[in-house]
Amino acid sequence: MKRFFPELKAIPAAGKSFPEIFTELDQQYPGISSYILDEQGSLRKHVNIFIDGKMITDRKQLSDAFTSGSEIYIMQALSGG
């Protein structure tokens, strides 16, 4: 993701849901949520989200729970041979 958003760094988020977090990210990095989410608001196939070290299970509605102290990592999935 650094390739498209070279200034990308860890930031604290106040959002209590993934849509709120993506709104915050878009304010700092315009266009980043469209890189992460498809047109229906589901997680794109090439992106994974981890909450406190565990990959989320709901890639469509992004309803996995987290707390204000959770560490959330949004990562580009790697593939290849």
PDB file of N, CA and C in Angstrom:
ATOM      1  N   MET A   1       0.816  -1.184   0.000  1.00  0.00           N
ATOM      2  CA  MET A   1       0.000   0.000   0.000  1.00  0.00           C
ATOM      3  C   MET A   1       0.867   1.257   0.000  1.00  0.00           C
ATOM      4  N   LYS A   2       2.090   1.115   0.493  1.00  0.00           N
ATOM      5  CA  LYS A   2       3.018   2.252   0.512  1.00  0.00           C
ATOM      6  C   LYS A   2       3.326   2.739  -0.902  1.00  0.00           C
ATOM      7  N   ARG A   3       3.216   1.854  -1.867  1.00  0.00           N
ATOM      8  CA  ARG A   3       3.485   2.227  -3.246  1.00  0.00           C
ATOM      9  C   ARG A   3       2.523   3.318  -3.725  1.00  0.00           C
ATOM     10  N   PHE A   4       1.255   3.205  -3.323  1.00  0.00           N
ATOM     11  CA  PHE A   4       0.243   4.168  -3.744  1.00  0.00           C
ATOM     12  C   PHE A   4       0.057   5.297  -2.735  1.00  0.00           C
ATOM     13  N   PHE A   5       0.448   5.048  -1.489  1.00  0.00           N
ATOM     14  CA  PHE A   5       0.327   6.037  -0.420  1.00  0.00           C
ATOM     15  C   PHE A   5       1.658   6.096   0.325  1.00  0.00           C
ATOM     16  N   PRO A   6       2.674   6.731  -0.270  1.00  0.00           N
ATOM     17  CA  PRO A   6       4.030   6.693   0.287  1.00  0.00           C
ATOM     18  C   PRO A   6       4.161   7.299   1.683  1.00  0.00           C
ATOM     19  N   GLU A   7       3.274   8.182   2.072  1.00  0.00           N
ATOM     20  CA  GLU A   7       3.333   8.807   3.394  1.00  0.00           C
ATOM     21  C   GLU A   7       2.601   7.987   4.457  1.00  0.00           C
ATOM     22  N   LEU A   8       2.085   6.839   4.079  1.00  0.00           N
ATOM     23  CA  LEU A   8       1.285   6.000   4.975  1.00  0.00           C
ATOM     24  C   LEU A   8       2.075   5.598   6.215  1.00  0.00           C
ATOM     25  N   LYS A   9       1.447   5.774   7.374  1.00  0.00           N
ATOM     26  CA  LYS A   9       2.070   5.381   8.641  1.00  0.00           C
ATOM     27  C   LYS A   9       0.970   5.010   9.629  1.00  0.00           C
ATOM     28  N   ALA A  10       1.350   4.431  10.722  1.00  0.00           N
ATOM     29  CA  ALA A  10       0.387   4.058  11.766  1.00  0.00           C
ATOM     30  C   ALA A  10      -0.226   5.320  12.360  1.00  0.00           C
ATOM     31  N   ILE A  11      -1.539   5.292  12.522  1.00  0.00           N
ATOM     32  CA  ILE A  11      -2.227   6.435  13.126  1.00  0.00           C
ATOM     33  C   ILE A  11      -3.263   5.923  14.121  1.00  0.00           C
ATOM     34  N   PRO A  12      -3.493   6.652  15.200  1.00  0.00           N
ATOM     35  CA  PRO A  12      -4.566   6.267  16.110  1.00  0.00           C
ATOM     36  C   PRO A  12      -5.910   6.600  15.460  1.00  0.00           C
ATOM     37  N   ALA A  13      -6.892   5.746  15.666  1.00  0.00           N
ATOM     38  CA  ALA A  13      -8.220   5.960  15.092  1.00  0.00           C
ATOM     39  C   ALA A  13      -9.241   6.011  16.215  1.00  0.00           C
ATOM     40  N   ALA A  14     -10.195   6.898  16.084  1.00  0.00           N
ATOM     41  CA  ALA A  14     -11.249   7.048  17.091  1.00  0.00           C
ATOM     42  C   ALA A  14     -12.520   6.306  16.698  1.00  0.00           C
ATOM     43  N   GLY A  15     -12.597   5.825  15.464  1.00  0.00           N
ATOM     44  CA  GLY A  15     -13.806   5.161  14.974  1.00  0.00           C
ATOM     45  C   GLY A  15     -14.173   3.933  15.784  1.00  0.00           C
ATOM     46  N   LYS A  16     -15.468   3.719  15.918  1.00  0.00           N
ATOM     47  CA  LYS A  16     -15.967   2.559  16.646  1.00  0.00           C
ATOM     48  C   LYS A  16     -16.463   1.463  15.708  1.00  0.00           C
ATOM     49  N   SER A  17     -16.334   1.707  14.406  1.00  0.00           N
ATOM     50  CA  SER A  17     -16.699   0.720  13.382  1.00  0.00           C
ATOM     51  C   SER A  17     -15.727   0.890  12.218  1.00  0.00           C
ATOM     52  N   PHE A  18     -15.679  -0.115  11.354  1.00  0.00           N
ATOM     53  CA  PHE A  18     -14.778  -0.001  10.212  1.00  0.00           C
ATOM     54  C   PHE A  18     -15.173   1.144   9.278  1.00  0.00           C
ATOM     55  N   PRO A  19     -16.468   1.370   8.999  1.00  0.00           N
ATOM     56  CA  PRO A  19     -16.792   2.541   8.164  1.00  0.00           C
ATOM     57  C   PRO A  19     -16.267   3.852   8.756  1.00  0.00           C
ATOM     58  N   GLU A  20     -16.354   4.014  10.062  1.00  0.00           N
ATOM     59  CA  GLU A  20     -15.835   5.224  10.701  1.00  0.00           C
ATOM     60  C   GLU A  20     -14.314   5.308  10.560  1.00  0.00           C
ATOM     61  N   ILE A  21     -13.644   4.182  10.719  1.00  0.00           N
ATOM     62  CA  ILE A  21     -12.189   4.157  10.577  1.00  0.00           C
ATOM     63  C   ILE A  21     -11.780   4.497   9.141  1.00  0.00           C
ATOM     64  N   PHE A  22     -12.506   3.965   8.150  1.00  0.00           N
ATOM     65  CA  PHE A  22     -12.164   4.254   6.762  1.00  0.00           C
ATOM     66  C   PHE A  22     -12.413   5.719   6.420  1.00  0.00           C
ATOM     67  N   THR A  23     -13.411   6.327   7.039  1.00  0.00           N
ATOM     68  CA  THR A  23     -13.639   7.759   6.849  1.00  0.00           C
ATOM     69  C   THR A  23     -12.453   8.551   7.391  1.00  0.00           C
ATOM     70  N   GLU A  24     -11.965   8.157   8.573  1.00  0.00           N
ATOM     71  CA  GLU A  24     -10.786   8.816   9.151  1.00  0.00           C
ATOM     72  C   GLU A  24      -9.561   8.635   8.256  1.00  0.00           C
ATOM     73  N   LEU A  25      -9.362   7.415   7.754  1.00  0.00           N
ATOM     74  CA  LEU A  25      -8.211   7.161   6.882  1.00  0.00           C
ATOM     75  C   LEU A  25      -8.284   8.006   5.617  1.00  0.00           C
ATOM     76  N   ASP A  26      -9.489   8.108   5.044  1.00  0.00           N
ATOM     77  CA  ASP A  26      -9.654   8.904   3.823  1.00  0.00           C
ATOM     78  C   ASP A  26      -9.371  10.380   4.057  1.00  0.00           C
ATOM     79  N   GLN A  27      -9.591  10.853   5.257  1.00  0.00           N
ATOM     80  CA  GLN A  27      -9.289  12.250   5.554  1.00  0.00           C
ATOM     81  C   GLN A  27      -7.777  12.493   5.526  1.00  0.00           C
ATOM     82  N   GLN A  28      -7.017  11.523   5.992  1.00  0.00           N
ATOM     83  CA  GLN A  28      -5.552  11.657   5.993  1.00  0.00           C
ATOM     84  C   GLN A  28      -4.927  11.224   4.677  1.00  0.00           C
ATOM     85  N   TYR A  29      -5.518  10.213   4.059  1.00  0.00           N
ATOM     86  CA  TYR A  29      -4.989   9.638   2.824  1.00  0.00           C
ATOM     87  C   TYR A  29      -6.132   9.519   1.812  1.00  0.00           C
ATOM     88  N   PRO A  30      -6.463  10.610   1.135  1.00  0.00           N
ATOM     89  CA  PRO A  30      -7.603  10.597   0.213  1.00  0.00           C
ATOM     90  C   PRO A  30      -7.527   9.457  -0.805  1.00  0.00           C
ATOM     91  N   GLY A  31      -8.619   8.708  -0.908  1.00  0.00           N
ATOM     92  CA  GLY A  31      -8.708   7.610  -1.857  1.00  0.00           C
ATOM     93  C   GLY A  31      -8.314   6.259  -1.313  1.00  0.00           C
ATOM     94  N   ILE A  32      -7.792   6.205  -0.104  1.00  0.00           N
ATOM     95  CA  ILE A  32      -7.300   4.919   0.408  1.00  0.00           C
ATOM     96  C   ILE A  32      -8.436   3.913   0.629  1.00  0.00           C
ATOM     97  N   SER A  33      -9.606   4.381   1.038  1.00  0.00           N
ATOM     98  CA  SER A  33     -10.687   3.419   1.290  1.00  0.00           C
ATOM     99  C   SER A  33     -11.147   2.739   0.007  1.00  0.00           C
ATOM    100  N   SER A  34     -11.069   3.433  -1.133  1.00  0.00           N
ATOM    101  CA  SER A  34     -11.453   2.786  -2.388  1.00  0.00           C
ATOM    102  C   SER A  34     -10.399   1.762  -2.822  1.00  0.00           C
ATOM    103  N   TYR A  35      -9.201   1.870  -2.307  1.00  0.00           N
ATOM    104  CA  TYR A  35      -8.174   0.857  -2.549  1.00  0.00           C
ATOM    105  C   TYR A  35      -8.435  -0.376  -1.682  1.00  0.00           C
ATOM    106  N   ILE A  36      -9.004  -0.172  -0.494  1.00  0.00           N
ATOM    107  CA  ILE A  36      -9.242  -1.242   0.466  1.00  0.00           C
ATOM    108  C   ILE A  36     -10.597  -1.914   0.246  1.00  0.00           C
ATOM    109  N   LEU A  37     -11.613  -1.112  -0.097  1.00  0.00           N
ATOM    110  CA  LEU A  37     -12.987  -1.604  -0.229  1.00  0.00           C
ATOM    111  C   LEU A  37     -13.446  -1.559  -1.679  1.00  0.00           C
ATOM    112  N   ASP A  38     -14.302  -2.522  -2.040  1.00  0.00           N
ATOM    113  CA  ASP A  38     -14.875  -2.489  -3.386  1.00  0.00           C
ATOM    114  C   ASP A  38     -16.107  -1.584  -3.424  1.00  0.00           C
ATOM    115  N   GLU A  39     -16.805  -1.573  -4.537  1.00  0.00           N
ATOM    116  CA  GLU A  39     -17.948  -0.683  -4.726  1.00  0.00           C
ATOM    117  C   GLU A  39     -19.114  -1.002  -3.789  1.00  0.00           C
ATOM    118  N   GLN A  40     -19.189  -2.218  -3.271  1.00  0.00           N
ATOM    119  CA  GLN A  40     -20.242  -2.613  -2.336  1.00  0.00           C
ATOM    120  C   GLN A  40     -19.837  -2.409  -0.876  1.00  0.00           C
ATOM    121  N   GLY A  41     -18.629  -1.935  -0.647  1.00  0.00           N
ATOM    122  CA  GLY A  41     -18.143  -1.723   0.710  1.00  0.00           C
ATOM    123  C   GLY A  41     -17.527  -2.953   1.348  1.00  0.00           C
ATOM    124  N   SER A  42     -17.312  -4.001   0.551  1.00  0.00           N
ATOM    125  CA  SER A  42     -16.659  -5.221   1.035  1.00  0.00           C
ATOM    126  C   SER A  42     -15.155  -5.097   0.867  1.00  0.00           C
ATOM    127  N   LEU A  43     -14.438  -5.863   1.658  1.00  0.00           N
ATOM    128  CA  LEU A  43     -12.976  -5.865   1.578  1.00  0.00           C
ATOM    129  C   LEU A  43     -12.528  -6.450   0.242  1.00  0.00           C
ATOM    130  N   ARG A  44     -11.624  -5.766  -0.425  1.00  0.00           N
ATOM    131  CA  ARG A  44     -11.100  -6.270  -1.691  1.00  0.00           C
ATOM    132  C   ARG A  44     -10.281  -7.545  -1.454  1.00  0.00           C
ATOM    133  N   LYS A  45     -10.198  -8.387  -2.476  1.00  0.00           N
ATOM    134  CA  LYS A  45      -9.509  -9.676  -2.358  1.00  0.00           C
ATOM    135  C   LYS A  45      -8.032  -9.532  -2.044  1.00  0.00           C
ATOM    136  N   HIS A  46      -7.416  -8.441  -2.461  1.00  0.00           N
ATOM    137  CA  HIS A  46      -5.973  -8.277  -2.267  1.00  0.00           C
ATOM    138  C   HIS A  46      -5.627  -7.584  -0.947  1.00  0.00           C
ATOM    139  N   VAL A  47      -6.600  -7.433  -0.049  1.00  0.00           N
ATOM    140  CA  VAL A  47      -6.374  -6.751   1.221  1.00  0.00           C
ATOM    141  C   VAL A  47      -6.836  -7.649   2.366  1.00  0.00           C
ATOM    142  N   ASN A  48      -6.078  -7.670   3.440  1.00  0.00           N
ATOM    143  CA  ASN A  48      -6.461  -8.386   4.661  1.00  0.00           C
ATOM    144  C   ASN A  48      -6.449  -7.404   5.829  1.00  0.00           C
ATOM    145  N   ILE A  49      -7.340  -7.641   6.777  1.00  0.00           N
ATOM    146  CA  ILE A  49      -7.383  -6.835   7.994  1.00  0.00           C
ATOM    147  C   ILE A  49      -7.212  -7.770   9.177  1.00  0.00           C
ATOM    148  N   PHE A  50      -6.349  -7.371  10.103  1.00  0.00           N
ATOM    149  CA  PHE A  50      -6.105  -8.134  11.322  1.00  0.00           C
ATOM    150  C   PHE A  50      -6.477  -7.269  12.519  1.00  0.00           C
ATOM    151  N   ILE A  51      -7.183  -7.871  13.472  1.00  0.00           N
ATOM    152  CA  ILE A  51      -7.509  -7.211  14.729  1.00  0.00           C
ATOM    153  C   ILE A  51      -6.778  -7.974  15.827  1.00  0.00           C
ATOM    154  N   ASP A  52      -5.877  -7.293  16.516  1.00  0.00           N
ATOM    155  CA  ASP A  52      -5.083  -7.912  17.579  1.00  0.00           C
ATOM    156  C   ASP A  52      -4.468  -9.238  17.143  1.00  0.00           C
ATOM    157  N   GLY A  53      -3.935  -9.254  15.931  1.00  0.00           N
ATOM    158  CA  GLY A  53      -3.209 -10.409  15.427  1.00  0.00           C
ATOM    159  C   GLY A  53      -4.052 -11.483  14.771  1.00  0.00           C
ATOM    160  N   LYS A  54      -5.379 -11.322  14.724  1.00  0.00           N
ATOM    161  CA  LYS A  54      -6.247 -12.325  14.104  1.00  0.00           C
ATOM    162  C   LYS A  54      -6.948 -11.727  12.891  1.00  0.00           C
ATOM    163  N   MET A  55      -6.929 -12.487  11.790  1.00  0.00           N
ATOM    164  CA  MET A  55      -7.557 -12.003  10.572  1.00  0.00           C
ATOM    165  C   MET A  55      -9.074 -11.945  10.755  1.00  0.00           C
ATOM    166  N   ILE A  56      -9.684 -10.888  10.234  1.00  0.00           N
ATOM    167  CA  ILE A  56     -11.136 -10.763  10.360  1.00  0.00           C
ATOM    168  C   ILE A  56     -11.826 -11.891   9.588  1.00  0.00           C
ATOM    169  N   THR A  57     -13.056 -12.196   9.983  1.00  0.00           N
ATOM    170  CA  THR A  57     -13.806 -13.254   9.312  1.00  0.00           C
ATOM    171  C   THR A  57     -14.891 -12.701   8.398  1.00  0.00           C
ATOM    172  N   ASP A  58     -15.372 -11.505   8.674  1.00  0.00           N
ATOM    173  CA  ASP A  58     -16.451 -10.910   7.883  1.00  0.00           C
ATOM    174  C   ASP A  58     -15.871  -9.915   6.886  1.00  0.00           C
ATOM    175  N   ARG A  59     -15.588 -10.392   5.690  1.00  0.00           N
ATOM    176  CA  ARG A  59     -14.990  -9.550   4.651  1.00  0.00           C
ATOM    177  C   ARG A  59     -16.036  -8.741   3.895  1.00  0.00           C
ATOM    178  N   LYS A  60     -17.316  -9.071   4.069  1.00  0.00           N
ATOM    179  CA  LYS A  60     -18.377  -8.371   3.333  1.00  0.00           C
ATOM    180  C   LYS A  60     -18.918  -7.171   4.098  1.00  0.00           C
ATOM    181  N   GLN A  61     -19.332  -7.376   5.341  1.00  0.00           N
ATOM    182  CA  GLN A  61     -19.927  -6.298   6.124  1.00  0.00           C
ATOM    183  C   GLN A  61     -18.958  -5.686   7.131  1.00  0.00           C
ATOM    184  N   LEU A  62     -17.795  -6.311   7.293  1.00  0.00           N
ATOM    185  CA  LEU A  62     -16.754  -5.818   8.207  1.00  0.00           C
ATOM    186  C   LEU A  62     -17.313  -5.599   9.613  1.00  0.00           C
ATOM    187  N   SER A  63     -17.999  -6.616  10.104  1.00  0.00           N
ATOM    188  CA  SER A  63     -18.665  -6.505  11.402  1.00  0.00           C
ATOM    189  C   SER A  63     -17.834  -7.058  12.565  1.00  0.00           C
ATOM    190  N   ASP A  64     -16.621  -7.516  12.299  1.00  0.00           N
ATOM    191  CA  ASP A  64     -15.785  -8.050  13.377  1.00  0.00           C
ATOM    192  C   ASP A  64     -15.599  -6.991  14.468  1.00  0.00           C
ATOM    193  N   ALA A  65     -15.717  -7.432  15.713  1.00  0.00           N
ATOM    194  CA  ALA A  65     -15.648  -6.501  16.843  1.00  0.00           C
ATOM    195  C   ALA A  65     -14.207  -6.150  17.201  1.00  0.00           C
ATOM    196  N   PHE A  66     -14.037  -4.924  17.681  1.00  0.00           N
ATOM    197  CA  PHE A  66     -12.758  -4.477  18.218  1.00  0.00           C
ATOM    198  C   PHE A  66     -13.044  -3.447  19.298  1.00  0.00           C
ATOM    199  N   THR A  67     -12.029  -3.172  20.106  1.00  0.00           N
ATOM    200  CA  THR A  67     -12.184  -2.198  21.192  1.00  0.00           C
ATOM    201  C   THR A  67     -11.298  -0.991  20.915  1.00  0.00           C
ATOM    202  N   SER A  68     -11.417   0.013  21.755  1.00  0.00           N
ATOM    203  CA  SER A  68     -10.597   1.218  21.572  1.00  0.00           C
ATOM    204  C   SER A  68      -9.112   0.916  21.748  1.00  0.00           C
ATOM    205  N   GLY A  69      -8.773  -0.171  22.435  1.00  0.00           N
ATOM    206  CA  GLY A  69      -7.374  -0.543  22.621  1.00  0.00           C
ATOM    207  C   GLY A  69      -6.856  -1.546  21.607  1.00  0.00           C
ATOM    208  N   SER A  70      -7.690  -1.953  20.660  1.00  0.00           N
ATOM    209  CA  SER A  70      -7.276  -2.950  19.669  1.00  0.00           C
ATOM    210  C   SER A  70      -6.253  -2.384  18.698  1.00  0.00           C
ATOM    211  N   GLU A  71      -5.376  -3.260  18.243  1.00  0.00           N
ATOM    212  CA  GLU A  71      -4.449  -2.909  17.171  1.00  0.00           C
ATOM    213  C   GLU A  71      -5.018  -3.484  15.885  1.00  0.00           C
ATOM    214  N   ILE A  72      -5.237  -2.611  14.922  1.00  0.00           N
ATOM    215  CA  ILE A  72      -5.822  -3.017  13.646  1.00  0.00           C
ATOM    216  C   ILE A  72      -4.782  -2.797  12.562  1.00  0.00           C
ATOM    217  N   TYR A  73      -4.508  -3.856  11.819  1.00  0.00           N
ATOM    218  CA  TYR A  73      -3.550  -3.784  10.722  1.00  0.00           C
ATOM    219  C   TYR A  73      -4.297  -4.032   9.425  1.00  0.00           C
ATOM    220  N   ILE A  74      -4.091  -3.156   8.454  1.00  0.00           N
ATOM    221  CA  ILE A  74      -4.655  -3.308   7.123  1.00  0.00           C
ATOM    222  C   ILE A  74      -3.468  -3.571   6.214  1.00  0.00           C
ATOM    223  N   MET A  75      -3.468  -4.747   5.581  1.00  0.00           N
ATOM    224  CA  MET A  75      -2.299  -5.150   4.823  1.00  0.00           C
ATOM    225  C   MET A  75      -2.691  -5.638   3.431  1.00  0.00           C
ATOM    226  N   GLN A  76      -1.836  -5.351   2.493  1.00  0.00           N
ATOM    227  CA  GLN A  76      -2.015  -5.884   1.152  1.00  0.00           C
ATOM    228  C   GLN A  76      -1.607  -7.351   1.181  1.00  0.00           C
ATOM    229  N   ALA A  77      -2.482  -8.190   0.640  1.00  0.00           N
ATOM    230  CA  ALA A  77      -2.169  -9.622   0.589  1.00  0.00           C
ATOM    231  C   ALA A  77      -1.062  -9.864  -0.423  1.00  0.00           C
ATOM    232  N   LEU A  78      -0.197 -10.805  -0.125  1.00  0.00           N
ATOM    233  CA  LEU A  78       0.898 -11.160  -1.028  1.00  0.00           C
ATOM    234  C   LEU A  78       0.557 -12.424  -1.771  1.00  0.00           C
ATOM    235  N   SER A  79       0.956 -12.499  -2.998  1.00  0.00           N
ATOM    236  CA  SER A  79       0.746 -13.718  -3.777  1.00  0.00           C
ATOM    237  C   SER A  79       1.914 -13.872  -4.722  1.00  0.00           C
ATOM    238  N   GLY A  80       1.960 -14.991  -5.337  1.00  0.00           N
ATOM    239  CA  GLY A  80       3.043 -15.225  -6.308  1.00  0.00           C
ATOM    240  C   GLY A  80       3.590 -16.613  -6.170  1.00  0.00           C
ATOM    241  N   GLY A  81       4.604 -16.888  -6.920  1.00  0.00           N
ATOM    242  CA  GLY A  81       5.141 -18.233  -6.928  1.00  0.00           C
ATOM    243  C   GLY A  81       6.586 -18.275  -6.602  1.00  0.00           C
TER     244      GLY A  81
END
